[in-house]
Amino acid sequence: MKVMKWVVASMVMGAVSFSAFAAKEVTKEEVQKMNLEKIGTVNTTAETTSPMDAKRELSKMADEKGGKYFLVIAGREHGKFSATADVYK
């Protein structure tokens, strides 16, 4: 029973810590209002099966590029989903 509590607790902490560091999706208005600096562009492959999976992948890629925010600029559904986003800091 104690092991199960630790497993659940570590999963919750992992989810919380991931979201604390994940790049946040923003709108065009937020980019202008916050005066964000564009640092690049990222693209997902057509391997994701839902728009949320594509956004999660974009967030991860933005993190790897050193960004705190991303703006989805294009999306495509062709059996699977792919997307492109600008990355900002």
C-alpha atoms as a PDB file:
ATOM      1  CA  MET A   1       0.000   0.000   0.000  1.00  0.00           C
ATOM      2  CA  LYS A   2       2.839   2.404   0.836  1.00  0.00           C
ATOM      3  CA  VAL A   3       4.464   1.691  -2.525  1.00  0.00           C
ATOM      4  CA  MET A   4       1.247   2.578  -4.349  1.00  0.00           C
ATOM      5  CA  LYS A   5       1.025   5.908  -2.481  1.00  0.00           C
ATOM      6  CA  TRP A   6       4.609   6.748  -3.486  1.00  0.00           C
ATOM      7  CA  VAL A   7       3.951   5.826  -7.110  1.00  0.00           C
ATOM      8  CA  VAL A   8       0.838   7.995  -7.256  1.00  0.00           C
ATOM      9  CA  ALA A   9       2.582  10.872  -5.462  1.00  0.00           C
ATOM     10  CA  SER A  10       5.575  10.758  -7.800  1.00  0.00           C
ATOM     11  CA  MET A  11       3.312  10.692 -10.866  1.00  0.00           C
ATOM     12  CA  VAL A  12       1.418  13.752  -9.623  1.00  0.00           C
ATOM     13  CA  MET A  13       4.658  15.595  -8.849  1.00  0.00           C
ATOM     14  CA  GLY A  14       6.033  14.684 -12.271  1.00  0.00           C
ATOM     15  CA  ALA A  15       2.947  16.036 -13.995  1.00  0.00           C
ATOM     16  CA  VAL A  16       3.056  19.236 -11.961  1.00  0.00           C
ATOM     17  CA  SER A  17       6.771  19.771 -12.535  1.00  0.00           C
ATOM     18  CA  PHE A  18       6.433  19.146 -16.293  1.00  0.00           C
ATOM     19  CA  SER A  19       3.677  21.703 -16.644  1.00  0.00           C
ATOM     20  CA  ALA A  20       5.653  24.198 -14.553  1.00  0.00           C
ATOM     21  CA  PHE A  21       8.491  24.169 -17.099  1.00  0.00           C
ATOM     22  CA  ALA A  22       6.543  23.565 -20.309  1.00  0.00           C
ATOM     23  CA  ALA A  23       6.369  26.360 -22.864  1.00  0.00           C
ATOM     24  CA  LYS A  24       2.952  28.016 -22.811  1.00  0.00           C
ATOM     25  CA  GLU A  25       0.779  28.511 -25.878  1.00  0.00           C
ATOM     26  CA  VAL A  26      -0.066  32.174 -26.521  1.00  0.00           C
ATOM     27  CA  THR A  27      -2.240  34.117 -28.946  1.00  0.00           C
ATOM     28  CA  LYS A  28      -1.115  36.780 -31.441  1.00  0.00           C
ATOM     29  CA  GLU A  29      -2.570  39.410 -29.136  1.00  0.00           C
ATOM     30  CA  GLU A  30      -0.556  38.122 -26.185  1.00  0.00           C
ATOM     31  CA  VAL A  31       2.635  38.140 -28.276  1.00  0.00           C
ATOM     32  CA  GLN A  32       2.072  41.824 -29.089  1.00  0.00           C
ATOM     33  CA  LYS A  33       0.883  42.790 -25.606  1.00  0.00           C
ATOM     34  CA  MET A  34       3.779  41.047 -23.853  1.00  0.00           C
ATOM     35  CA  ASN A  35       6.267  42.279 -26.484  1.00  0.00           C
ATOM     36  CA  LEU A  36       7.752  38.784 -26.840  1.00  0.00           C
ATOM     37  CA  GLU A  37      10.955  38.165 -28.796  1.00  0.00           C
ATOM     38  CA  LYS A  38      10.789  35.475 -31.489  1.00  0.00           C
ATOM     39  CA  ILE A  39      13.692  33.025 -31.273  1.00  0.00           C
ATOM     40  CA  GLY A  40      12.728  30.496 -33.929  1.00  0.00           C
ATOM     41  CA  THR A  41      10.181  28.103 -35.381  1.00  0.00           C
ATOM     42  CA  VAL A  42       9.411  24.448 -34.627  1.00  0.00           C
ATOM     43  CA  ASN A  43       7.529  21.786 -36.613  1.00  0.00           C
ATOM     44  CA  THR A  44       5.969  18.520 -35.527  1.00  0.00           C
ATOM     45  CA  THR A  45       5.969  15.436 -37.684  1.00  0.00           C
ATOM     46  CA  ALA A  46       2.744  13.831 -38.845  1.00  0.00           C
ATOM     47  CA  GLU A  47       2.950  11.212 -36.100  1.00  0.00           C
ATOM     48  CA  THR A  48       0.541  12.708 -33.567  1.00  0.00           C
ATOM     49  CA  THR A  49      -3.002  11.413 -33.419  1.00  0.00           C
ATOM     50  CA  SER A  50      -4.742  14.480 -31.974  1.00  0.00           C
ATOM     51  CA  PRO A  51      -4.362  18.270 -31.958  1.00  0.00           C
ATOM     52  CA  MET A  52      -3.541  18.155 -28.229  1.00  0.00           C
ATOM     53  CA  ASP A  53      -0.678  15.731 -28.885  1.00  0.00           C
ATOM     54  CA  ALA A  54       0.671  18.090 -31.545  1.00  0.00           C
ATOM     55  CA  LYS A  55       0.484  21.039 -29.102  1.00  0.00           C
ATOM     56  CA  ARG A  56       2.244  18.997 -26.421  1.00  0.00           C
ATOM     57  CA  GLU A  57       5.014  18.175 -28.899  1.00  0.00           C
ATOM     58  CA  LEU A  58       5.307  21.837 -29.926  1.00  0.00           C
ATOM     59  CA  SER A  59       5.614  22.814 -26.260  1.00  0.00           C
ATOM     60  CA  LYS A  60       8.382  20.266 -25.731  1.00  0.00           C
ATOM     61  CA  MET A  61      10.242  21.447 -28.833  1.00  0.00           C
ATOM     62  CA  ALA A  62       9.887  25.092 -27.773  1.00  0.00           C
ATOM     63  CA  ASP A  63      11.392  24.174 -24.377  1.00  0.00           C
ATOM     64  CA  GLU A  64      14.318  22.479 -26.096  1.00  0.00           C
ATOM     65  CA  LYS A  65      14.875  25.620 -28.184  1.00  0.00           C
ATOM     66  CA  GLY A  66      14.953  27.757 -25.020  1.00  0.00           C
ATOM     67  CA  GLY A  67      11.522  29.333 -25.435  1.00  0.00           C
ATOM     68  CA  LYS A  68       8.929  30.070 -22.800  1.00  0.00           C
ATOM     69  CA  TYR A  69       6.027  30.579 -25.218  1.00  0.00           C
ATOM     70  CA  PHE A  70       4.841  29.308 -28.597  1.00  0.00           C
ATOM     71  CA  LEU A  71       2.262  30.508 -31.113  1.00  0.00           C
ATOM     72  CA  VAL A  72       0.716  27.916 -33.434  1.00  0.00           C
ATOM     73  CA  ILE A  73       0.885  29.370 -36.941  1.00  0.00           C
ATOM     74  CA  ALA A  74      -0.188  26.353 -38.987  1.00  0.00           C
ATOM     75  CA  GLY A  75      -1.815  22.985 -38.506  1.00  0.00           C
ATOM     76  CA  ARG A  76      -2.654  20.151 -40.831  1.00  0.00           C
ATOM     77  CA  GLU A  77      -4.758  17.019 -40.486  1.00  0.00           C
ATOM     78  CA  HIS A  78      -4.102  14.236 -42.962  1.00  0.00           C
ATOM     79  CA  GLY A  79      -5.005  11.111 -41.056  1.00  0.00           C
ATOM     80  CA  LYS A  80      -2.600  12.302 -38.372  1.00  0.00           C
ATOM     81  CA  PHE A  81      -1.799  15.815 -37.158  1.00  0.00           C
ATOM     82  CA  SER A  82       1.187  18.073 -37.744  1.00  0.00           C
ATOM     83  CA  ALA A  83       1.748  21.689 -36.765  1.00  0.00           C
ATOM     84  CA  THR A  84       4.155  24.611 -36.940  1.00  0.00           C
ATOM     85  CA  ALA A  85       4.723  27.222 -34.241  1.00  0.00           C
ATOM     86  CA  ASP A  86       6.811  30.316 -33.657  1.00  0.00           C
ATOM     87  CA  VAL A  87       8.830  30.190 -30.425  1.00  0.00           C
ATOM     88  CA  TYR A  88       9.241  33.228 -28.152  1.00  0.00           C
ATOM     89  CA  LYS A  89      11.135  34.146 -25.019  1.00  0.00           C
END
